[in-house]
C-alpha atoms as a PDB file:
ATOM      1  CA  MET A   1       2.900   8.045  17.997  1.00  0.00           C
ATOM      2  CA  GLU A   2       4.253   4.745  19.268  1.00  0.00           C
ATOM      3  CA  VAL A   3       4.228   1.890  16.719  1.00  0.00           C
ATOM      4  CA  LEU A   4       1.815  -0.407  18.611  1.00  0.00           C
ATOM      5  CA  GLU A   5      -0.633   2.470  18.989  1.00  0.00           C
ATOM      6  CA  ALA A   6      -0.309   3.257  15.262  1.00  0.00           C
ATOM      7  CA  ILE A   7      -1.028  -0.385  14.395  1.00  0.00           C
ATOM      8  CA  LYS A   8      -4.122  -0.514  16.597  1.00  0.00           C
ATOM      9  CA  THR A   9      -5.574   2.898  15.670  1.00  0.00           C
ATOM     10  CA  ARG A  10      -4.961   2.998  11.888  1.00  0.00           C
ATOM     11  CA  ARG A  11      -8.183   2.891   9.859  1.00  0.00           C
ATOM     12  CA  SER A  12      -9.060   2.770   6.172  1.00  0.00           C
ATOM     13  CA  ILE A  13      -9.989   6.325   5.203  1.00  0.00           C
ATOM     14  CA  ARG A  14     -12.414   6.837   2.326  1.00  0.00           C
ATOM     15  CA  HIS A  15     -13.135  10.577   2.748  1.00  0.00           C
ATOM     16  CA  TYR A  16     -10.504  13.319   2.662  1.00  0.00           C
ATOM     17  CA  LYS A  17     -10.221  17.025   3.384  1.00  0.00           C
ATOM     18  CA  LEU A  18      -9.140  19.362   0.612  1.00  0.00           C
ATOM     19  CA  ASP A  19      -5.946  20.260   2.518  1.00  0.00           C
ATOM     20  CA  GLY A  20      -2.755  19.470   0.674  1.00  0.00           C
ATOM     21  CA  VAL A  21       0.013  17.262   2.034  1.00  0.00           C
ATOM     22  CA  SER A  22       3.350  18.980   2.616  1.00  0.00           C
ATOM     23  CA  ASP A  23       6.407  17.742   0.769  1.00  0.00           C
ATOM     24  CA  GLU A  24       8.030  17.168   4.168  1.00  0.00           C
ATOM     25  CA  SER A  25       5.243  14.784   5.270  1.00  0.00           C
ATOM     26  CA  LEU A  26       5.237  13.039   1.903  1.00  0.00           C
ATOM     27  CA  TRP A  27       8.993  12.416   2.080  1.00  0.00           C
ATOM     28  CA  GLN A  28       8.699  11.209   5.681  1.00  0.00           C
ATOM     29  CA  VAL A  29       6.239   8.447   4.739  1.00  0.00           C
ATOM     30  CA  LEU A  30       8.249   7.519   1.649  1.00  0.00           C
ATOM     31  CA  GLU A  31      11.361   7.316   3.819  1.00  0.00           C
ATOM     32  CA  ALA A  32       9.531   4.989   6.239  1.00  0.00           C
ATOM     33  CA  ALA A  33       8.632   2.739   3.293  1.00  0.00           C
ATOM     34  CA  ARG A  34      12.268   2.694   2.189  1.00  0.00           C
ATOM     35  CA  TRP A  35      13.253   1.054   5.485  1.00  0.00           C
ATOM     36  CA  ALA A  36      10.982  -1.973   5.029  1.00  0.00           C
ATOM     37  CA  PRO A  37      12.725  -5.352   5.017  1.00  0.00           C
ATOM     38  CA  SER A  38      12.977  -7.219   1.728  1.00  0.00           C
ATOM     39  CA  TRP A  39      14.344 -10.476   0.304  1.00  0.00           C
ATOM     40  CA  ALA A  40      18.154 -10.179   0.230  1.00  0.00           C
ATOM     41  CA  ASN A  41      17.649  -6.413   0.564  1.00  0.00           C
ATOM     42  CA  THR A  42      16.443  -6.247  -3.066  1.00  0.00           C
ATOM     43  CA  GLN A  43      14.030  -3.363  -2.333  1.00  0.00           C
ATOM     44  CA  CYS A  44      12.035  -4.226  -5.437  1.00  0.00           C
ATOM     45  CA  TRP A  45       9.411  -1.518  -4.891  1.00  0.00           C
ATOM     46  CA  HIS A  46       8.918   1.854  -6.545  1.00  0.00           C
ATOM     47  CA  PHE A  47       6.363   4.464  -5.465  1.00  0.00           C
ATOM     48  CA  VAL A  48       4.684   6.645  -8.096  1.00  0.00           C
ATOM     49  CA  VAL A  49       3.364   9.836  -6.485  1.00  0.00           C
ATOM     50  CA  VAL A  50       0.390  11.068  -8.502  1.00  0.00           C
ATOM     51  CA  ARG A  51      -0.548  14.714  -7.974  1.00  0.00           C
ATOM     52  CA  ASP A  52      -1.516  15.676 -11.528  1.00  0.00           C
ATOM     53  CA  PRO A  53      -5.326  16.151 -11.513  1.00  0.00           C
ATOM     54  CA  SER A  54      -5.721  14.747 -15.044  1.00  0.00           C
ATOM     55  CA  ILE A  55      -3.844  11.541 -14.193  1.00  0.00           C
ATOM     56  CA  LYS A  56      -5.793  11.232 -10.934  1.00  0.00           C
ATOM     57  CA  ALA A  57      -9.054  11.684 -12.872  1.00  0.00           C
ATOM     58  CA  ARG A  58      -8.086   8.853 -15.237  1.00  0.00           C
ATOM     59  CA  ILE A  59      -7.271   6.597 -12.261  1.00  0.00           C
ATOM     60  CA  VAL A  60     -10.706   7.425 -10.827  1.00  0.00           C
ATOM     61  CA  GLU A  61     -12.285   6.316 -14.141  1.00  0.00           C
ATOM     62  CA  LEU A  62     -10.332   3.046 -13.973  1.00  0.00           C
ATOM     63  CA  LEU A  63     -11.571   2.389 -10.420  1.00  0.00           C
ATOM     64  CA  ARG A  64     -15.311   2.634 -11.176  1.00  0.00           C
ATOM     65  CA  GLY A  65     -17.138   0.108  -9.022  1.00  0.00           C
ATOM     66  CA  ASN A  66     -14.439   0.150  -6.347  1.00  0.00           C
ATOM     67  CA  ARG A  67     -15.497   1.303  -2.862  1.00  0.00           C
ATOM     68  CA  ALA A  68     -12.418   3.534  -2.697  1.00  0.00           C
ATOM     69  CA  VAL A  69     -13.096   5.509  -5.899  1.00  0.00           C
ATOM     70  CA  GLN A  70     -14.366   8.550  -3.974  1.00  0.00           C
ATOM     71  CA  ALA A  71     -11.301   8.465  -1.713  1.00  0.00           C
ATOM     72  CA  VAL A  72      -8.981   8.617  -4.724  1.00  0.00           C
ATOM     73  CA  ASP A  73     -11.059  11.437  -6.183  1.00  0.00           C
ATOM     74  CA  GLU A  74     -10.988  13.483  -2.950  1.00  0.00           C
ATOM     75  CA  ALA A  75      -7.403  12.950  -1.759  1.00  0.00           C
ATOM     76  CA  PRO A  76      -4.725  15.380  -2.937  1.00  0.00           C
ATOM     77  CA  ILE A  77      -2.261  12.564  -3.690  1.00  0.00           C
ATOM     78  CA  VAL A  78      -2.488   8.997  -4.951  1.00  0.00           C
ATOM     79  CA  ILE A  79       0.411   6.678  -4.286  1.00  0.00           C
ATOM     80  CA  VAL A  80       0.795   3.782  -6.732  1.00  0.00           C
ATOM     81  CA  LEU A  81       3.072   0.982  -5.584  1.00  0.00           C
ATOM     82  CA  VAL A  82       4.946  -0.730  -8.400  1.00  0.00           C
ATOM     83  CA  ALA A  83       7.313  -3.684  -8.003  1.00  0.00           C
ATOM     84  CA  GLN A  84      10.027  -5.161 -10.151  1.00  0.00           C
ATOM     85  CA  VAL A  85       9.284  -8.830 -10.852  1.00  0.00           C
ATOM     86  CA  GLY A  86      11.921 -11.533 -11.093  1.00  0.00           C
ATOM     87  CA  ARG A  87      14.193  -9.908  -8.518  1.00  0.00           C
ATOM     88  CA  SER A  88      12.847 -10.513  -5.007  1.00  0.00           C
ATOM     89  CA  GLY A  89      12.611 -14.209  -4.140  1.00  0.00           C
ATOM     90  CA  PHE A  90      15.201 -15.182  -6.728  1.00  0.00           C
ATOM     91  CA  SER A  91      18.698 -16.550  -6.420  1.00  0.00           C
ATOM     92  CA  GLY A  92      20.932 -16.904  -9.448  1.00  0.00           C
ATOM     93  CA  GLY A  93      18.061 -15.833 -11.698  1.00  0.00           C
ATOM     94  CA  VAL A  94      15.686 -18.606 -10.580  1.00  0.00           C
ATOM     95  CA  PRO A  95      12.972 -18.673  -7.914  1.00  0.00           C
ATOM     96  CA  ALA A  96      14.572 -19.664  -4.600  1.00  0.00           C
ATOM     97  CA  THR A  97      11.346 -21.004  -3.034  1.00  0.00           C
ATOM     98  CA  ASP A  98       7.985 -22.277  -4.229  1.00  0.00           C
ATOM     99  CA  LYS A  99       6.753 -18.683  -3.816  1.00  0.00           C
ATOM    100  CA  GLY A 100       9.812 -17.090  -5.438  1.00  0.00           C
ATOM    101  CA  GLU A 101       8.201 -15.564  -8.498  1.00  0.00           C
ATOM    102  CA  TYR A 102       5.547 -13.901  -6.295  1.00  0.00           C
ATOM    103  CA  TRP A 103       7.821 -12.796  -3.446  1.00  0.00           C
ATOM    104  CA  TYR A 104       7.675  -9.228  -4.789  1.00  0.00           C
ATOM    105  CA  MET A 105       4.108  -9.088  -3.453  1.00  0.00           C
ATOM    106  CA  PHE A 106       5.303  -9.854   0.066  1.00  0.00           C
ATOM    107  CA  ASP A 107       8.140  -7.334  -0.049  1.00  0.00           C
ATOM    108  CA  SER A 108       5.847  -4.673  -1.534  1.00  0.00           C
ATOM    109  CA  ALA A 109       3.298  -5.273   1.208  1.00  0.00           C
ATOM    110  CA  LEU A 110       5.987  -4.722   3.843  1.00  0.00           C
ATOM    111  CA  ALA A 111       6.936  -1.390   2.246  1.00  0.00           C
ATOM    112  CA  MET A 112       3.278  -0.333   1.991  1.00  0.00           C
ATOM    113  CA  GLN A 113       2.656  -1.298   5.622  1.00  0.00           C
ATOM    114  CA  ASN A 114       5.525   0.971   6.694  1.00  0.00           C
ATOM    115  CA  PHE A 115       4.095   3.707   4.469  1.00  0.00           C
ATOM    116  CA  ILE A 116       0.544   3.561   5.854  1.00  0.00           C
ATOM    117  CA  LEU A 117       1.653   3.337   9.494  1.00  0.00           C
ATOM    118  CA  ALA A 118       3.966   6.327   9.067  1.00  0.00           C
ATOM    119  CA  ALA A 119       1.165   8.233   7.323  1.00  0.00           C
ATOM    120  CA  HIS A 120      -1.197   7.488  10.210  1.00  0.00           C
ATOM    121  CA  ALA A 121       1.419   8.564  12.760  1.00  0.00           C
ATOM    122  CA  LEU A 122       1.613  11.924  10.930  1.00  0.00           C
ATOM    123  CA  GLY A 123      -2.185  12.346  10.951  1.00  0.00           C
ATOM    124  CA  LEU A 124      -2.613  11.328   7.310  1.00  0.00           C
ATOM    125  CA  GLY A 125      -5.105   8.808   5.979  1.00  0.00           C
ATOM    126  CA  THR A 126      -4.791   5.922   3.534  1.00  0.00           C
ATOM    127  CA  VAL A 127      -6.817   2.996   2.255  1.00  0.00           C
ATOM    128  CA  ILE A 128      -5.231   0.048   0.476  1.00  0.00           C
ATOM    129  CA  ILE A 129      -6.795  -0.526  -2.940  1.00  0.00           C
ATOM    130  CA  GLY A 130      -6.589  -3.976  -4.463  1.00  0.00           C
ATOM    131  CA  LYS A 131      -9.341  -4.035  -7.091  1.00  0.00           C
ATOM    132  CA  ILE A 132      -7.382  -2.305  -9.869  1.00  0.00           C
ATOM    133  CA  ASP A 133      -7.186  -2.622 -13.624  1.00  0.00           C
ATOM    134  CA  THR A 134      -3.417  -2.935 -13.256  1.00  0.00           C
ATOM    135  CA  LYS A 135      -2.707  -3.211 -16.976  1.00  0.00           C
ATOM    136  CA  GLU A 136      -4.473   0.083 -17.699  1.00  0.00           C
ATOM    137  CA  VAL A 137      -2.843   1.838 -14.723  1.00  0.00           C
ATOM    138  CA  GLU A 138       0.552   0.543 -15.901  1.00  0.00           C
ATOM    139  CA  LYS A 139      -0.092   2.036 -19.363  1.00  0.00           C
ATOM    140  CA  LEU A 140      -1.279   5.331 -17.878  1.00  0.00           C
ATOM    141  CA  LEU A 141       1.802   5.700 -15.683  1.00  0.00           C
ATOM    142  CA  GLY A 142       4.308   4.399 -18.231  1.00  0.00           C
ATOM    143  CA  VAL A 143       5.324   1.418 -16.095  1.00  0.00           C
ATOM    144  CA  PRO A 144       7.992  -0.486 -18.049  1.00  0.00           C
ATOM    145  CA  SER A 145       8.095  -4.192 -18.800  1.00  0.00           C
ATOM    146  CA  GLY A 146       9.383  -6.198 -15.852  1.00  0.00           C
ATOM    147  CA  PHE A 147       7.438  -4.091 -13.353  1.00  0.00           C
ATOM    148  CA  ARG A 148       3.871  -4.526 -12.065  1.00  0.00           C
ATOM    149  CA  VAL A 149       1.395  -2.303 -10.256  1.00  0.00           C
ATOM    150  CA  VAL A 150       0.747  -3.999  -6.917  1.00  0.00           C
ATOM    151  CA  THR A 151      -1.594  -1.621  -5.090  1.00  0.00           C
ATOM    152  CA  MET A 152      -2.392   2.030  -4.544  1.00  0.00           C
ATOM    153  CA  THR A 153      -3.616   4.323  -1.812  1.00  0.00           C
ATOM    154  CA  PRO A 154      -4.939   7.847  -1.605  1.00  0.00           C
ATOM    155  CA  LEU A 155      -2.961  10.051   0.788  1.00  0.00           C
ATOM    156  CA  GLY A 156      -4.399  13.053   2.555  1.00  0.00           C
ATOM    157  CA  TYR A 157      -5.934  14.353   5.755  1.00  0.00           C
ATOM    158  CA  PRO A 158      -8.947  12.308   6.899  1.00  0.00           C
ATOM    159  CA  ALA A 159     -12.402  13.911   6.742  1.00  0.00           C
ATOM    160  CA  GLU A 160     -13.782  11.031   8.806  1.00  0.00           C
ATOM    161  CA  ASN A 161     -12.914   9.034  11.901  1.00  0.00           C
ATOM    162  CA  PRO A 162     -14.128   5.467  11.313  1.00  0.00           C
ATOM    163  CA  SER A 163     -14.748   3.136  14.225  1.00  0.00           C
ATOM    164  CA  PRO A 164     -12.563   0.059  14.542  1.00  0.00           C
ATOM    165  CA  ARG A 165     -13.792  -2.987  12.660  1.00  0.00           C
ATOM    166  CA  PRO A 166     -14.220  -6.223  14.600  1.00  0.00           C
ATOM    167  CA  ARG A 167     -11.117  -8.384  14.803  1.00  0.00           C
ATOM    168  CA  LEU A 168     -10.798 -12.082  15.468  1.00  0.00           C
ATOM    169  CA  ASP A 169      -9.473 -12.953  18.888  1.00  0.00           C
ATOM    170  CA  THR A 170      -5.718 -13.550  18.826  1.00  0.00           C
ATOM    171  CA  SER A 171      -6.229 -17.100  20.108  1.00  0.00           C
ATOM    172  CA  ALA A 172      -8.222 -17.879  16.932  1.00  0.00           C
ATOM    173  CA  LEU A 173      -5.225 -16.896  14.802  1.00  0.00           C
ATOM    174  CA  VAL A 174      -2.457 -18.719  16.648  1.00  0.00           C
ATOM    175  CA  SER A 175      -1.526 -22.315  17.315  1.00  0.00           C
ATOM    176  CA  PHE A 176       1.579 -23.743  18.947  1.00  0.00           C
ATOM    177  CA  ASP A 177       3.834 -26.505  17.685  1.00  0.00           C
ATOM    178  CA  LYS A 178       1.299 -27.827  15.132  1.00  0.00           C
ATOM    179  CA  PHE A 179      -1.339 -26.139  12.999  1.00  0.00           C
ATOM    180  CA  GLU A 180      -4.746 -26.185  14.642  1.00  0.00           C
ATOM    181  CA  LEU A 181      -7.802 -24.061  13.928  1.00  0.00           C
ATOM    182  CA  SER A 182      -9.913 -23.120  16.896  1.00  0.00           C
ATOM    183  CA  VAL A 183     -13.569 -22.909  16.047  1.00  0.00           C
END
């Protein structure tokens, strides 16, 4: 699948088939994530691949009230994206910009974008989950100090084919030379 087609046809998948994901496909999407750009090539991300049903069940409990809870329950794999803080966006141990201490979020998002587009290109589904009790997930997964859970996604074969959601017109999102909102 060509990248522009993958970008335009990717959808958030909240229902999954019982089919497992091959190790080959899993490693392909993880490899795509590895190639994401990052601040000074720090590659501050780490992917935790959760296949253990008991750990998945505990994650499901921690996501109660989240629209994606059923997706995590159904999918054969849950991918938890963790990032090292204080590395990306820093120079000489201090934040290099006014966003320096949070730059890990940007770099992690780039890696996750590569991951979800590669997954879609292979016929796999994902949905980005942001409403997470990160502290509890960090405890559950043994995430060490200095690292933070950023997001997670189920990974599996879609059991649905959602329609595209409406998008703003490109002209509403772009201005030239000076910032200007079009209403």
